[in-house]
Amino acid sequence: MKTIISTANAPAAIGPYSQATDLGNLVITSGQLPIDPATGAFPEGIQAQTKQSLTNVKAILEAAGLTMDAVVKTTVFLSDMNNFGAMNEVYATFFTEGSYPARSAVEVARLPKDALVEIEVIAVK
C-alpha cells in the first residue's frame, strides 16, 4: 500500500511529484531544495541551504511519524563539490554520531531554481 506524505511544514512540490511516499515499512522523500516554506525563498550560502534542506526533510519525516534516526540512506546533490566540506559540517548535526546513514554525494550541472544543494532520503519504519 502506498500513502502520499504531505506537510505544510516543508515546501510544496514544484512539479508533478509528492513530498514523500510511505510504502508501509519505507518512507522515501523527494529531493528537498533549501526553500523556506514560510517565505518561499532560499537562504544564502551552502551551510544555510544545507540546514534548510535537511529541516525540510525532517518536517516530512515527522509528518510520517518518523525522526531523522530512521534515515538509512541519503543522496546529496551539490552544484559545486567544493562545497562538500561546508555541507558536511551542517549535515553531521542532523544525525546521531556513530549511526550515520549511508550516503552518496554528487556534483550536478545544475539544480532547480539554481539551488546549491538538494537532499533526498530513504527512512525505515
PDB file of N, CA and C in Angstrom:
ATOM      1  N   MET A   1       0.835  -1.182   0.000  1.00  0.00           N
ATOM      2  CA  MET A   1       0.000   0.000   0.000  1.00  0.00           C
ATOM      3  C   MET A   1       0.878   1.243   0.000  1.00  0.00           C
ATOM      4  N   LYS A   2       0.519   2.201  -0.785  1.00  0.00           N
ATOM      5  CA  LYS A   2       1.285   3.433  -0.918  1.00  0.00           C
ATOM      6  C   LYS A   2       0.457   4.591  -0.374  1.00  0.00           C
ATOM      7  N   THR A   3       1.092   5.395   0.500  1.00  0.00           N
ATOM      8  CA  THR A   3       0.449   6.578   1.056  1.00  0.00           C
ATOM      9  C   THR A   3       1.322   7.790   0.749  1.00  0.00           C
ATOM     10  N   ILE A   4       0.714   8.840   0.274  1.00  0.00           N
ATOM     11  CA  ILE A   4       1.434  10.077  -0.012  1.00  0.00           C
ATOM     12  C   ILE A   4       1.554  10.888   1.273  1.00  0.00           C
ATOM     13  N   ILE A   5       2.754  11.367   1.535  1.00  0.00           N
ATOM     14  CA  ILE A   5       3.017  12.206   2.710  1.00  0.00           C
ATOM     15  C   ILE A   5       3.083  13.658   2.250  1.00  0.00           C
ATOM     16  N   SER A   6       2.393  14.520   2.989  1.00  0.00           N
ATOM     17  CA  SER A   6       2.397  15.944   2.671  1.00  0.00           C
ATOM     18  C   SER A   6       2.297  16.743   3.963  1.00  0.00           C
ATOM     19  N   THR A   7       3.073  17.808   4.051  1.00  0.00           N
ATOM     20  CA  THR A   7       3.020  18.689   5.209  1.00  0.00           C
ATOM     21  C   THR A   7       3.238  20.131   4.771  1.00  0.00           C
ATOM     22  N   ALA A   8       2.573  21.043   5.449  1.00  0.00           N
ATOM     23  CA  ALA A   8       2.772  22.475   5.196  1.00  0.00           C
ATOM     24  C   ALA A   8       4.074  22.964   5.820  1.00  0.00           C
ATOM     25  N   ASN A   9       4.730  22.109   6.633  1.00  0.00           N
ATOM     26  CA  ASN A   9       5.983  22.483   7.295  1.00  0.00           C
ATOM     27  C   ASN A   9       7.206  22.300   6.400  1.00  0.00           C
ATOM     28  N   ALA A  10       6.969  21.876   5.172  1.00  0.00           N
ATOM     29  CA  ALA A  10       8.018  21.760   4.158  1.00  0.00           C
ATOM     30  C   ALA A  10       7.444  22.355   2.882  1.00  0.00           C
ATOM     31  N   PRO A  11       8.318  22.778   1.963  1.00  0.00           N
ATOM     32  CA  PRO A  11       7.790  23.399   0.747  1.00  0.00           C
ATOM     33  C   PRO A  11       6.940  22.430  -0.079  1.00  0.00           C
ATOM     34  N   ALA A  12       5.894  22.975  -0.670  1.00  0.00           N
ATOM     35  CA  ALA A  12       5.043  22.177  -1.553  1.00  0.00           C
ATOM     36  C   ALA A  12       5.851  21.771  -2.782  1.00  0.00           C
ATOM     37  N   ALA A  13       5.471  20.681  -3.379  1.00  0.00           N
ATOM     38  CA  ALA A  13       6.128  20.226  -4.599  1.00  0.00           C
ATOM     39  C   ALA A  13       6.018  21.299  -5.683  1.00  0.00           C
ATOM     40  N   ILE A  14       7.097  21.473  -6.449  1.00  0.00           N
ATOM     41  CA  ILE A  14       7.080  22.468  -7.529  1.00  0.00           C
ATOM     42  C   ILE A  14       6.907  21.785  -8.890  1.00  0.00           C
ATOM     43  N   GLY A  15       6.341  20.601  -8.868  1.00  0.00           N
ATOM     44  CA  GLY A  15       6.107  19.836 -10.079  1.00  0.00           C
ATOM     45  C   GLY A  15       5.186  18.673  -9.776  1.00  0.00           C
ATOM     46  N   PRO A  16       5.059  17.739 -10.713  1.00  0.00           N
ATOM     47  CA  PRO A  16       4.160  16.594 -10.535  1.00  0.00           C
ATOM     48  C   PRO A  16       4.807  15.474  -9.708  1.00  0.00           C
ATOM     49  N   TYR A  17       5.014  15.733  -8.435  1.00  0.00           N
ATOM     50  CA  TYR A  17       5.576  14.741  -7.519  1.00  0.00           C
ATOM     51  C   TYR A  17       5.091  15.026  -6.104  1.00  0.00           C
ATOM     52  N   SER A  18       5.323  14.097  -5.205  1.00  0.00           N
ATOM     53  CA  SER A  18       4.925  14.228  -3.802  1.00  0.00           C
ATOM     54  C   SER A  18       6.134  14.544  -2.942  1.00  0.00           C
ATOM     55  N   GLN A  19       5.895  15.124  -1.777  1.00  0.00           N
ATOM     56  CA  GLN A  19       6.986  15.365  -0.839  1.00  0.00           C
ATOM     57  C   GLN A  19       7.624  14.037  -0.427  1.00  0.00           C
ATOM     58  N   ALA A  20       6.787  13.030  -0.227  1.00  0.00           N
ATOM     59  CA  ALA A  20       7.290  11.703   0.138  1.00  0.00           C
ATOM     60  C   ALA A  20       6.220  10.658  -0.118  1.00  0.00           C
ATOM     61  N   THR A  21       6.675   9.416  -0.188  1.00  0.00           N
ATOM     62  CA  THR A  21       5.790   8.273  -0.330  1.00  0.00           C
ATOM     63  C   THR A  21       6.084   7.297   0.801  1.00  0.00           C
ATOM     64  N   ASP A  22       5.027   6.880   1.492  1.00  0.00           N
ATOM     65  CA  ASP A  22       5.124   5.892   2.566  1.00  0.00           C
ATOM     66  C   ASP A  22       4.706   4.551   1.978  1.00  0.00           C
ATOM     67  N   LEU A  23       5.626   3.582   2.015  1.00  0.00           N
ATOM     68  CA  LEU A  23       5.350   2.261   1.451  1.00  0.00           C
ATOM     69  C   LEU A  23       5.058   1.221   2.520  1.00  0.00           C
ATOM     70  N   GLY A  24       4.772   1.675   3.731  1.00  0.00           N
ATOM     71  CA  GLY A  24       4.470   0.748   4.819  1.00  0.00           C
ATOM     72  C   GLY A  24       5.650   0.584   5.744  1.00  0.00           C
ATOM     73  N   ASN A  25       6.768   0.112   5.197  1.00  0.00           N
ATOM     74  CA  ASN A  25       7.972  -0.034   6.008  1.00  0.00           C
ATOM     75  C   ASN A  25       9.067   0.954   5.606  1.00  0.00           C
ATOM     76  N   LEU A  26       8.875   1.625   4.480  1.00  0.00           N
ATOM     77  CA  LEU A  26       9.836   2.618   3.992  1.00  0.00           C
ATOM     78  C   LEU A  26       9.135   3.936   3.713  1.00  0.00           C
ATOM     79  N   VAL A  27       9.850   5.022   3.985  1.00  0.00           N
ATOM     80  CA  VAL A  27       9.405   6.339   3.558  1.00  0.00           C
ATOM     81  C   VAL A  27      10.518   6.899   2.680  1.00  0.00           C
ATOM     82  N   ILE A  28      10.151   7.292   1.471  1.00  0.00           N
ATOM     83  CA  ILE A  28      11.115   7.825   0.509  1.00  0.00           C
ATOM     84  C   ILE A  28      10.718   9.259   0.208  1.00  0.00           C
ATOM     85  N   THR A  29      11.635  10.185   0.472  1.00  0.00           N
ATOM     86  CA  THR A  29      11.322  11.579   0.187  1.00  0.00           C
ATOM     87  C   THR A  29      11.787  11.954  -1.214  1.00  0.00           C
ATOM     88  N   SER A  30      11.146  12.947  -1.756  1.00  0.00           N
ATOM     89  CA  SER A  30      11.654  13.583  -2.966  1.00  0.00           C
ATOM     90  C   SER A  30      12.825  14.457  -2.545  1.00  0.00           C
ATOM     91  N   GLY A  31      13.632  14.850  -3.497  1.00  0.00           N
ATOM     92  CA  GLY A  31      14.725  15.753  -3.196  1.00  0.00           C
ATOM     93  C   GLY A  31      14.185  17.047  -2.624  1.00  0.00           C
ATOM     94  N   GLN A  32      14.799  17.493  -1.539  1.00  0.00           N
ATOM     95  CA  GLN A  32      14.349  18.709  -0.880  1.00  0.00           C
ATOM     96  C   GLN A  32      15.312  19.850  -1.156  1.00  0.00           C
ATOM     97  N   LEU A  33      14.788  20.851  -1.840  1.00  0.00           N
ATOM     98  CA  LEU A  33      15.541  22.074  -2.064  1.00  0.00           C
ATOM     99  C   LEU A  33      15.543  22.892  -0.774  1.00  0.00           C
ATOM    100  N   PRO A  34      16.430  23.864  -0.665  1.00  0.00           N
ATOM    101  CA  PRO A  34      16.505  24.668   0.549  1.00  0.00           C
ATOM    102  C   PRO A  34      15.491  25.812   0.570  1.00  0.00           C
ATOM    103  N   ILE A  35      14.251  25.503   0.255  1.00  0.00           N
ATOM    104  CA  ILE A  35      13.197  26.511   0.243  1.00  0.00           C
ATOM    105  C   ILE A  35      12.610  26.631   1.643  1.00  0.00           C
ATOM    106  N   ASP A  36      12.593  27.836   2.163  1.00  0.00           N
ATOM    107  CA  ASP A  36      11.933  28.095   3.437  1.00  0.00           C
ATOM    108  C   ASP A  36      10.428  28.068   3.166  1.00  0.00           C
ATOM    109  N   PRO A  37       9.675  27.136   3.787  1.00  0.00           N
ATOM    110  CA  PRO A  37       8.248  27.034   3.472  1.00  0.00           C
ATOM    111  C   PRO A  37       7.459  28.271   3.888  1.00  0.00           C
ATOM    112  N   ALA A  38       7.968  29.058   4.824  1.00  0.00           N
ATOM    113  CA  ALA A  38       7.267  30.260   5.276  1.00  0.00           C
ATOM    114  C   ALA A  38       7.403  31.410   4.287  1.00  0.00           C
ATOM    115  N   THR A  39       8.558  31.485   3.604  1.00  0.00           N
ATOM    116  CA  THR A  39       8.816  32.630   2.729  1.00  0.00           C
ATOM    117  C   THR A  39       8.913  32.264   1.252  1.00  0.00           C
ATOM    118  N   GLY A  40       9.187  31.009   0.962  1.00  0.00           N
ATOM    119  CA  GLY A  40       9.394  30.573  -0.416  1.00  0.00           C
ATOM    120  C   GLY A  40      10.773  30.921  -0.954  1.00  0.00           C
ATOM    121  N   ALA A  41      11.643  31.444  -0.086  1.00  0.00           N
ATOM    122  CA  ALA A  41      12.977  31.888  -0.503  1.00  0.00           C
ATOM    123  C   ALA A  41      14.061  30.907  -0.057  1.00  0.00           C
ATOM    124  N   PHE A  42      15.205  31.009  -0.716  1.00  0.00           N
ATOM    125  CA  PHE A  42      16.400  30.269  -0.316  1.00  0.00           C
ATOM    126  C   PHE A  42      17.207  31.126   0.663  1.00  0.00           C
ATOM    127  N   PRO A  43      17.810  30.507   1.683  1.00  0.00           N
ATOM    128  CA  PRO A  43      18.787  31.242   2.479  1.00  0.00           C
ATOM    129  C   PRO A  43      20.086  31.378   1.674  1.00  0.00           C
ATOM    130  N   GLU A  44      20.977  32.226   2.134  1.00  0.00           N
ATOM    131  CA  GLU A  44      22.256  32.456   1.447  1.00  0.00           C
ATOM    132  C   GLU A  44      23.308  31.455   1.915  1.00  0.00           C
ATOM    133  N   GLY A  45      24.095  30.920   0.994  1.00  0.00           N
ATOM    134  CA  GLY A  45      25.256  30.097   1.320  1.00  0.00           C
ATOM    135  C   GLY A  45      24.942  28.626   1.488  1.00  0.00           C
ATOM    136  N   ILE A  46      25.960  27.823   1.287  1.00  0.00           N
ATOM    137  CA  ILE A  46      25.803  26.363   1.316  1.00  0.00           C
ATOM    138  C   ILE A  46      25.403  25.854   2.689  1.00  0.00           C
ATOM    139  N   GLN A  47      25.948  26.401   3.763  1.00  0.00           N
ATOM    140  CA  GLN A  47      25.600  25.872   5.082  1.00  0.00           C
ATOM    141  C   GLN A  47      24.142  26.160   5.430  1.00  0.00           C
ATOM    142  N   ALA A  48      23.685  27.365   5.166  1.00  0.00           N
ATOM    143  CA  ALA A  48      22.287  27.704   5.439  1.00  0.00           C
ATOM    144  C   ALA A  48      21.349  26.911   4.533  1.00  0.00           C
ATOM    145  N   GLN A  49      21.758  26.692   3.281  1.00  0.00           N
ATOM    146  CA  GLN A  49      20.921  25.915   2.374  1.00  0.00           C
ATOM    147  C   GLN A  49      20.874  24.446   2.779  1.00  0.00           C
ATOM    148  N   THR A  50      21.993  23.898   3.233  1.00  0.00           N
ATOM    149  CA  THR A  50      22.007  22.514   3.719  1.00  0.00           C
ATOM    150  C   THR A  50      21.082  22.376   4.920  1.00  0.00           C
ATOM    151  N   LYS A  51      21.185  23.318   5.844  1.00  0.00           N
ATOM    152  CA  LYS A  51      20.326  23.288   7.036  1.00  0.00           C
ATOM    153  C   LYS A  51      18.853  23.334   6.635  1.00  0.00           C
ATOM    154  N   GLN A  52      18.498  24.201   5.692  1.00  0.00           N
ATOM    155  CA  GLN A  52      17.094  24.307   5.289  1.00  0.00           C
ATOM    156  C   GLN A  52      16.627  23.048   4.574  1.00  0.00           C
ATOM    157  N   SER A  53      17.445  22.478   3.698  1.00  0.00           N
ATOM    158  CA  SER A  53      17.061  21.238   3.012  1.00  0.00           C
ATOM    159  C   SER A  53      16.796  20.124   4.022  1.00  0.00           C
ATOM    160  N   LEU A  54      17.686  19.985   5.003  1.00  0.00           N
ATOM    161  CA  LEU A  54      17.515  18.925   6.000  1.00  0.00           C
ATOM    162  C   LEU A  54      16.375  19.236   6.978  1.00  0.00           C
ATOM    163  N   THR A  55      16.122  20.496   7.240  1.00  0.00           N
ATOM    164  CA  THR A  55      14.966  20.871   8.055  1.00  0.00           C
ATOM    165  C   THR A  55      13.685  20.483   7.329  1.00  0.00           C
ATOM    166  N   ASN A  56      13.665  20.656   6.012  1.00  0.00           N
ATOM    167  CA  ASN A  56      12.509  20.235   5.214  1.00  0.00           C
ATOM    168  C   ASN A  56      12.341  18.719   5.257  1.00  0.00           C
ATOM    169  N   VAL A  57      13.445  17.987   5.124  1.00  0.00           N
ATOM    170  CA  VAL A  57      13.405  16.527   5.219  1.00  0.00           C
ATOM    171  C   VAL A  57      12.841  16.112   6.579  1.00  0.00           C
ATOM    172  N   LYS A  58      13.357  16.726   7.622  1.00  0.00           N
ATOM    173  CA  LYS A  58      12.916  16.403   8.994  1.00  0.00           C
ATOM    174  C   LYS A  58      11.415  16.635   9.162  1.00  0.00           C
ATOM    175  N   ALA A  59      10.899  17.730   8.619  1.00  0.00           N
ATOM    176  CA  ALA A  59       9.466  18.024   8.720  1.00  0.00           C
ATOM    177  C   ALA A  59       8.629  16.967   7.996  1.00  0.00           C
ATOM    178  N   ILE A  60       9.093  16.526   6.854  1.00  0.00           N
ATOM    179  CA  ILE A  60       8.376  15.496   6.103  1.00  0.00           C
ATOM    180  C   ILE A  60       8.387  14.177   6.866  1.00  0.00           C
ATOM    181  N   LEU A  61       9.538  13.820   7.413  1.00  0.00           N
ATOM    182  CA  LEU A  61       9.613  12.581   8.197  1.00  0.00           C
ATOM    183  C   LEU A  61       8.718  12.660   9.429  1.00  0.00           C
ATOM    184  N   GLU A  62       8.679  13.818  10.075  1.00  0.00           N
ATOM    185  CA  GLU A  62       7.796  13.983  11.232  1.00  0.00           C
ATOM    186  C   GLU A  62       6.340  13.802  10.832  1.00  0.00           C
ATOM    187  N   ALA A  63       5.964  14.275   9.649  1.00  0.00           N
ATOM    188  CA  ALA A  63       4.592  14.088   9.158  1.00  0.00           C
ATOM    189  C   ALA A  63       4.282  12.610   8.947  1.00  0.00           C
ATOM    190  N   ALA A  64       5.327  11.823   8.702  1.00  0.00           N
ATOM    191  CA  ALA A  64       5.178  10.372   8.533  1.00  0.00           C
ATOM    192  C   ALA A  64       5.337   9.629   9.860  1.00  0.00           C
ATOM    193  N   GLY A  65       5.535  10.376  10.960  1.00  0.00           N
ATOM    194  CA  GLY A  65       5.687   9.761  12.270  1.00  0.00           C
ATOM    195  C   GLY A  65       7.090   9.265  12.554  1.00  0.00           C
ATOM    196  N   LEU A  66       8.088   9.791  11.851  1.00  0.00           N
ATOM    197  CA  LEU A  66       9.466   9.344  11.997  1.00  0.00           C
ATOM    198  C   LEU A  66      10.385  10.477  12.435  1.00  0.00           C
ATOM    199  N   THR A  67      11.588  10.107  12.856  1.00  0.00           N
ATOM    200  CA  THR A  67      12.630  11.070  13.171  1.00  0.00           C
ATOM    201  C   THR A  67      13.794  10.848  12.207  1.00  0.00           C
ATOM    202  N   MET A  68      14.776  11.709  12.290  1.00  0.00           N
ATOM    203  CA  MET A  68      15.959  11.569  11.442  1.00  0.00           C
ATOM    204  C   MET A  68      16.718  10.279  11.747  1.00  0.00           C
ATOM    205  N   ASP A  69      16.533   9.704  12.925  1.00  0.00           N
ATOM    206  CA  ASP A  69      17.193   8.436  13.259  1.00  0.00           C
ATOM    207  C   ASP A  69      16.695   7.285  12.388  1.00  0.00           C
ATOM    208  N   ALA A  70      15.548   7.457  11.739  1.00  0.00           N
ATOM    209  CA  ALA A  70      15.003   6.412  10.866  1.00  0.00           C
ATOM    210  C   ALA A  70      15.659   6.412   9.485  1.00  0.00           C
ATOM    211  N   VAL A  71      16.435   7.446   9.173  1.00  0.00           N
ATOM    212  CA  VAL A  71      17.045   7.564   7.846  1.00  0.00           C
ATOM    213  C   VAL A  71      18.161   6.532   7.685  1.00  0.00           C
ATOM    214  N   VAL A  72      18.083   5.753   6.615  1.00  0.00           N
ATOM    215  CA  VAL A  72      19.103   4.740   6.341  1.00  0.00           C
ATOM    216  C   VAL A  72      19.963   5.083   5.135  1.00  0.00           C
ATOM    217  N   LYS A  73      19.489   6.007   4.271  1.00  0.00           N
ATOM    218  CA  LYS A  73      20.234   6.366   3.063  1.00  0.00           C
ATOM    219  C   LYS A  73      19.882   7.783   2.668  1.00  0.00           C
ATOM    220  N   THR A  74      20.900   8.548   2.324  1.00  0.00           N
ATOM    221  CA  THR A  74      20.680   9.890   1.788  1.00  0.00           C
ATOM    222  C   THR A  74      21.411  10.021   0.461  1.00  0.00           C
ATOM    223  N   THR A  75      20.905  10.909  -0.358  1.00  0.00           N
ATOM    224  CA  THR A  75      21.612  11.326  -1.557  1.00  0.00           C
ATOM    225  C   THR A  75      21.675  12.840  -1.516  1.00  0.00           C
ATOM    226  N   VAL A  76      22.886  13.370  -1.628  1.00  0.00           N
ATOM    227  CA  VAL A  76      23.121  14.807  -1.597  1.00  0.00           C
ATOM    228  C   VAL A  76      23.580  15.233  -2.984  1.00  0.00           C
ATOM    229  N   PHE A  77      22.854  16.156  -3.566  1.00  0.00           N
ATOM    230  CA  PHE A  77      23.206  16.721  -4.866  1.00  0.00           C
ATOM    231  C   PHE A  77      23.781  18.109  -4.621  1.00  0.00           C
ATOM    232  N   LEU A  78      24.993  18.339  -5.077  1.00  0.00           N
ATOM    233  CA  LEU A  78      25.665  19.623  -4.900  1.00  0.00           C
ATOM    234  C   LEU A  78      25.900  20.284  -6.252  1.00  0.00           C
ATOM    235  N   SER A  79      25.724  21.589  -6.303  1.00  0.00           N
ATOM    236  CA  SER A  79      26.013  22.311  -7.539  1.00  0.00           C
ATOM    237  C   SER A  79      27.512  22.514  -7.719  1.00  0.00           C
ATOM    238  N   ASP A  80      28.274  22.346  -6.626  1.00  0.00           N
ATOM    239  CA  ASP A  80      29.722  22.533  -6.660  1.00  0.00           C
ATOM    240  C   ASP A  80      30.353  21.661  -5.576  1.00  0.00           C
ATOM    241  N   MET A  81      31.145  20.682  -5.968  1.00  0.00           N
ATOM    242  CA  MET A  81      31.767  19.766  -5.000  1.00  0.00           C
ATOM    243  C   MET A  81      32.723  20.502  -4.052  1.00  0.00           C
ATOM    244  N   ASN A  82      33.134  21.706  -4.397  1.00  0.00           N
ATOM    245  CA  ASN A  82      33.943  22.498  -3.473  1.00  0.00           C
ATOM    246  C   ASN A  82      33.173  22.859  -2.202  1.00  0.00           C
ATOM    247  N   ASN A  83      31.848  22.724  -2.227  1.00  0.00           N
ATOM    248  CA  ASN A  83      31.014  22.985  -1.056  1.00  0.00           C
ATOM    249  C   ASN A  83      30.838  21.756  -0.163  1.00  0.00           C
ATOM    250  N   PHE A  84      31.477  20.649  -0.525  1.00  0.00           N
ATOM    251  CA  PHE A  84      31.285  19.393   0.204  1.00  0.00           C
ATOM    252  C   PHE A  84      31.615  19.530   1.694  1.00  0.00           C
ATOM    253  N   GLY A  85      32.751  20.091   2.025  1.00  0.00           N
ATOM    254  CA  GLY A  85      33.167  20.202   3.425  1.00  0.00           C
ATOM    255  C   GLY A  85      32.212  21.035   4.258  1.00  0.00           C
ATOM    256  N   ALA A  86      31.813  22.185   3.729  1.00  0.00           N
ATOM    257  CA  ALA A  86      30.892  23.061   4.453  1.00  0.00           C
ATOM    258  C   ALA A  86      29.519  22.400   4.596  1.00  0.00           C
ATOM    259  N   MET A  87      29.061  21.718   3.542  1.00  0.00           N
ATOM    260  CA  MET A  87      27.795  20.981   3.629  1.00  0.00           C
ATOM    261  C   MET A  87      27.895  19.908   4.698  1.00  0.00           C
ATOM    262  N   ASN A  88      29.000  19.189   4.705  1.00  0.00           N
ATOM    263  CA  ASN A  88      29.192  18.069   5.623  1.00  0.00           C
ATOM    264  C   ASN A  88      29.130  18.506   7.086  1.00  0.00           C
ATOM    265  N   GLU A  89      29.672  19.682   7.383  1.00  0.00           N
ATOM    266  CA  GLU A  89      29.648  20.194   8.765  1.00  0.00           C
ATOM    267  C   GLU A  89      28.213  20.321   9.268  1.00  0.00           C
ATOM    268  N   VAL A  90      27.331  20.866   8.461  1.00  0.00           N
ATOM    269  CA  VAL A  90      25.927  21.035   8.846  1.00  0.00           C
ATOM    270  C   VAL A  90      25.206  19.692   8.819  1.00  0.00           C
ATOM    271  N   TYR A  91      25.435  18.921   7.777  1.00  0.00           N
ATOM    272  CA  TYR A  91      24.795  17.608   7.610  1.00  0.00           C
ATOM    273  C   TYR A  91      24.984  16.744   8.862  1.00  0.00           C
ATOM    274  N   ALA A  92      26.193  16.710   9.388  1.00  0.00           N
ATOM    275  CA  ALA A  92      26.506  15.859  10.542  1.00  0.00           C
ATOM    276  C   ALA A  92      25.655  16.197  11.764  1.00  0.00           C
ATOM    277  N   THR A  93      25.214  17.451  11.891  1.00  0.00           N
ATOM    278  CA  THR A  93      24.444  17.859  13.075  1.00  0.00           C
ATOM    279  C   THR A  93      23.017  17.319  13.066  1.00  0.00           C
ATOM    280  N   PHE A  94      22.550  16.803  11.942  1.00  0.00           N
ATOM    281  CA  PHE A  94      21.184  16.292  11.842  1.00  0.00           C
ATOM    282  C   PHE A  94      21.069  14.808  12.165  1.00  0.00           C
ATOM    283  N   PHE A  95      22.208  14.141  12.358  1.00  0.00           N
ATOM    284  CA  PHE A  95      22.198  12.702  12.582  1.00  0.00           C
ATOM    285  C   PHE A  95      22.985  12.356  13.839  1.00  0.00           C
ATOM    286  N   THR A  96      22.676  11.206  14.415  1.00  0.00           N
ATOM    287  CA  THR A  96      23.347  10.744  15.613  1.00  0.00           C
ATOM    288  C   THR A  96      24.718  10.190  15.255  1.00  0.00           C
ATOM    289  N   GLU A  97      25.752  10.755  15.879  1.00  0.00           N
ATOM    290  CA  GLU A  97      27.113  10.287  15.612  1.00  0.00           C
ATOM    291  C   GLU A  97      27.213   8.801  15.933  1.00  0.00           C
ATOM    292  N   GLY A  98      27.871   8.070  15.063  1.00  0.00           N
ATOM    293  CA  GLY A  98      28.026   6.634  15.248  1.00  0.00           C
ATOM    294  C   GLY A  98      26.960   5.820  14.539  1.00  0.00           C
ATOM    295  N   SER A  99      25.866   6.479  14.126  1.00  0.00           N
ATOM    296  CA  SER A  99      24.834   5.750  13.371  1.00  0.00           C
ATOM    297  C   SER A  99      24.372   6.583  12.170  1.00  0.00           C
ATOM    298  N   TYR A 100      25.354   7.191  11.512  1.00  0.00           N
ATOM    299  CA  TYR A 100      25.044   7.966  10.311  1.00  0.00           C
ATOM    300  C   TYR A 100      24.470   7.051   9.226  1.00  0.00           C
ATOM    301  N   PRO A 101      23.551   7.578   8.418  1.00  0.00           N
ATOM    302  CA  PRO A 101      23.020   6.759   7.316  1.00  0.00           C
ATOM    303  C   PRO A 101      24.054   6.603   6.202  1.00  0.00           C
ATOM    304  N   ALA A 102      23.842   5.624   5.356  1.00  0.00           N
ATOM    305  CA  ALA A 102      24.641   5.513   4.139  1.00  0.00           C
ATOM    306  C   ALA A 102      24.367   6.758   3.300  1.00  0.00           C
ATOM    307  N   ARG A 103      25.337   7.146   2.470  1.00  0.00           N
ATOM    308  CA  ARG A 103      25.152   8.392   1.717  1.00  0.00           C
ATOM    309  C   ARG A 103      25.910   8.364   0.405  1.00  0.00           C
ATOM    310  N   SER A 104      25.323   8.995  -0.587  1.00  0.00           N
ATOM    311  CA  SER A 104      26.003   9.338  -1.832  1.00  0.00           C
ATOM    312  C   SER A 104      25.974  10.856  -1.919  1.00  0.00           C
ATOM    313  N   ALA A 105      27.048  11.444  -2.420  1.00  0.00           N
ATOM    314  CA  ALA A 105      27.098  12.882  -2.652  1.00  0.00           C
ATOM    315  C   ALA A 105      27.704  13.095  -4.029  1.00  0.00           C
ATOM    316  N   VAL A 106      26.982  13.802  -4.867  1.00  0.00           N
ATOM    317  CA  VAL A 106      27.433  14.003  -6.239  1.00  0.00           C
ATOM    318  C   VAL A 106      27.293  15.464  -6.638  1.00  0.00           C
ATOM    319  N   GLU A 107      28.182  15.893  -7.523  1.00  0.00           N
ATOM    320  CA  GLU A 107      28.054  17.219  -8.126  1.00  0.00           C
ATOM    321  C   GLU A 107      27.219  17.081  -9.378  1.00  0.00           C
ATOM    322  N   VAL A 108      26.301  18.009  -9.534  1.00  0.00           N
ATOM    323  CA  VAL A 108      25.442  18.014 -10.716  1.00  0.00           C
ATOM    324  C   VAL A 108      25.629  19.334 -11.461  1.00  0.00           C
ATOM    325  N   ALA A 109      25.270  19.350 -12.726  1.00  0.00           N
ATOM    326  CA  ALA A 109      25.467  20.550 -13.540  1.00  0.00           C
ATOM    327  C   ALA A 109      24.625  21.721 -13.041  1.00  0.00           C
ATOM    328  N   ARG A 110      23.409  21.415 -12.605  1.00  0.00           N
ATOM    329  CA  ARG A 110      22.527  22.485 -12.158  1.00  0.00           C
ATOM    330  C   ARG A 110      21.381  21.878 -11.361  1.00  0.00           C
ATOM    331  N   LEU A 111      20.919  22.611 -10.360  1.00  0.00           N
ATOM    332  CA  LEU A 111      19.776  22.189  -9.559  1.00  0.00           C
ATOM    333  C   LEU A 111      18.598  23.131  -9.818  1.00  0.00           C
ATOM    334  N   PRO A 112      17.365  22.668  -9.556  1.00  0.00           N
ATOM    335  CA  PRO A 112      16.215  23.546  -9.749  1.00  0.00           C
ATOM    336  C   PRO A 112      16.382  24.864  -8.992  1.00  0.00           C
ATOM    337  N   LYS A 113      15.944  25.921  -9.621  1.00  0.00           N
ATOM    338  CA  LYS A 113      15.997  27.273  -9.045  1.00  0.00           C
ATOM    339  C   LYS A 113      17.416  27.701  -8.674  1.00  0.00           C
ATOM    340  N   ASP A 114      18.408  27.035  -9.275  1.00  0.00           N
ATOM    341  CA  ASP A 114      19.822  27.317  -9.024  1.00  0.00           C
ATOM    342  C   ASP A 114      20.230  27.149  -7.559  1.00  0.00           C
ATOM    343  N   ALA A 115      19.612  26.176  -6.893  1.00  0.00           N
ATOM    344  CA  ALA A 115      19.988  25.852  -5.512  1.00  0.00           C
ATOM    345  C   ALA A 115      21.424  25.360  -5.472  1.00  0.00           C
ATOM    346  N   LEU A 116      22.035  25.473  -4.307  1.00  0.00           N
ATOM    347  CA  LEU A 116      23.392  24.948  -4.104  1.00  0.00           C
ATOM    348  C   LEU A 116      23.366  23.489  -3.690  1.00  0.00           C
ATOM    349  N   VAL A 117      22.224  23.019  -3.132  1.00  0.00           N
ATOM    350  CA  VAL A 117      22.129  21.658  -2.620  1.00  0.00           C
ATOM    351  C   VAL A 117      20.680  21.173  -2.710  1.00  0.00           C
ATOM    352  N   GLU A 118      20.523  19.873  -2.863  1.00  0.00           N
ATOM    353  CA  GLU A 118      19.231  19.197  -2.792  1.00  0.00           C
ATOM    354  C   GLU A 118      19.492  17.859  -2.125  1.00  0.00           C
ATOM    355  N   ILE A 119      18.611  17.455  -1.202  1.00  0.00           N
ATOM    356  CA  ILE A 119      18.838  16.226  -0.430  1.00  0.00           C
ATOM    357  C   ILE A 119      17.571  15.385  -0.413  1.00  0.00           C
ATOM    358  N   GLU A 120      17.742  14.083  -0.698  1.00  0.00           N
ATOM    359  CA  GLU A 120      16.646  13.129  -0.600  1.00  0.00           C
ATOM    360  C   GLU A 120      17.047  12.017   0.369  1.00  0.00           C
ATOM    361  N   VAL A 121      16.056  11.372   0.986  1.00  0.00           N
ATOM    362  CA  VAL A 121      16.363  10.316   1.947  1.00  0.00           C
ATOM    363  C   VAL A 121      15.426   9.129   1.793  1.00  0.00           C
ATOM    364  N   ILE A 122      15.896   8.004   2.311  1.00  0.00           N
ATOM    365  CA  ILE A 122      15.084   6.804   2.496  1.00  0.00           C
ATOM    366  C   ILE A 122      15.132   6.499   3.985  1.00  0.00           C
ATOM    367  N   ALA A 123      13.947   6.328   4.574  1.00  0.00           N
ATOM    368  CA  ALA A 123      13.847   6.043   6.009  1.00  0.00           C
ATOM    369  C   ALA A 123      13.077   4.744   6.202  1.00  0.00           C
ATOM    370  N   VAL A 124      13.398   4.046   7.284  1.00  0.00           N
ATOM    371  CA  VAL A 124      12.758   2.775   7.607  1.00  0.00           C
ATOM    372  C   VAL A 124      11.916   2.932   8.857  1.00  0.00           C
ATOM    373  N   LYS A 125      10.703   2.374   8.818  1.00  0.00           N
ATOM    374  CA  LYS A 125       9.825   2.413   9.995  1.00  0.00           C
ATOM    375  C   LYS A 125      10.189   1.294  10.946  1.00  0.00           C
TER     376      LYS A 125
END
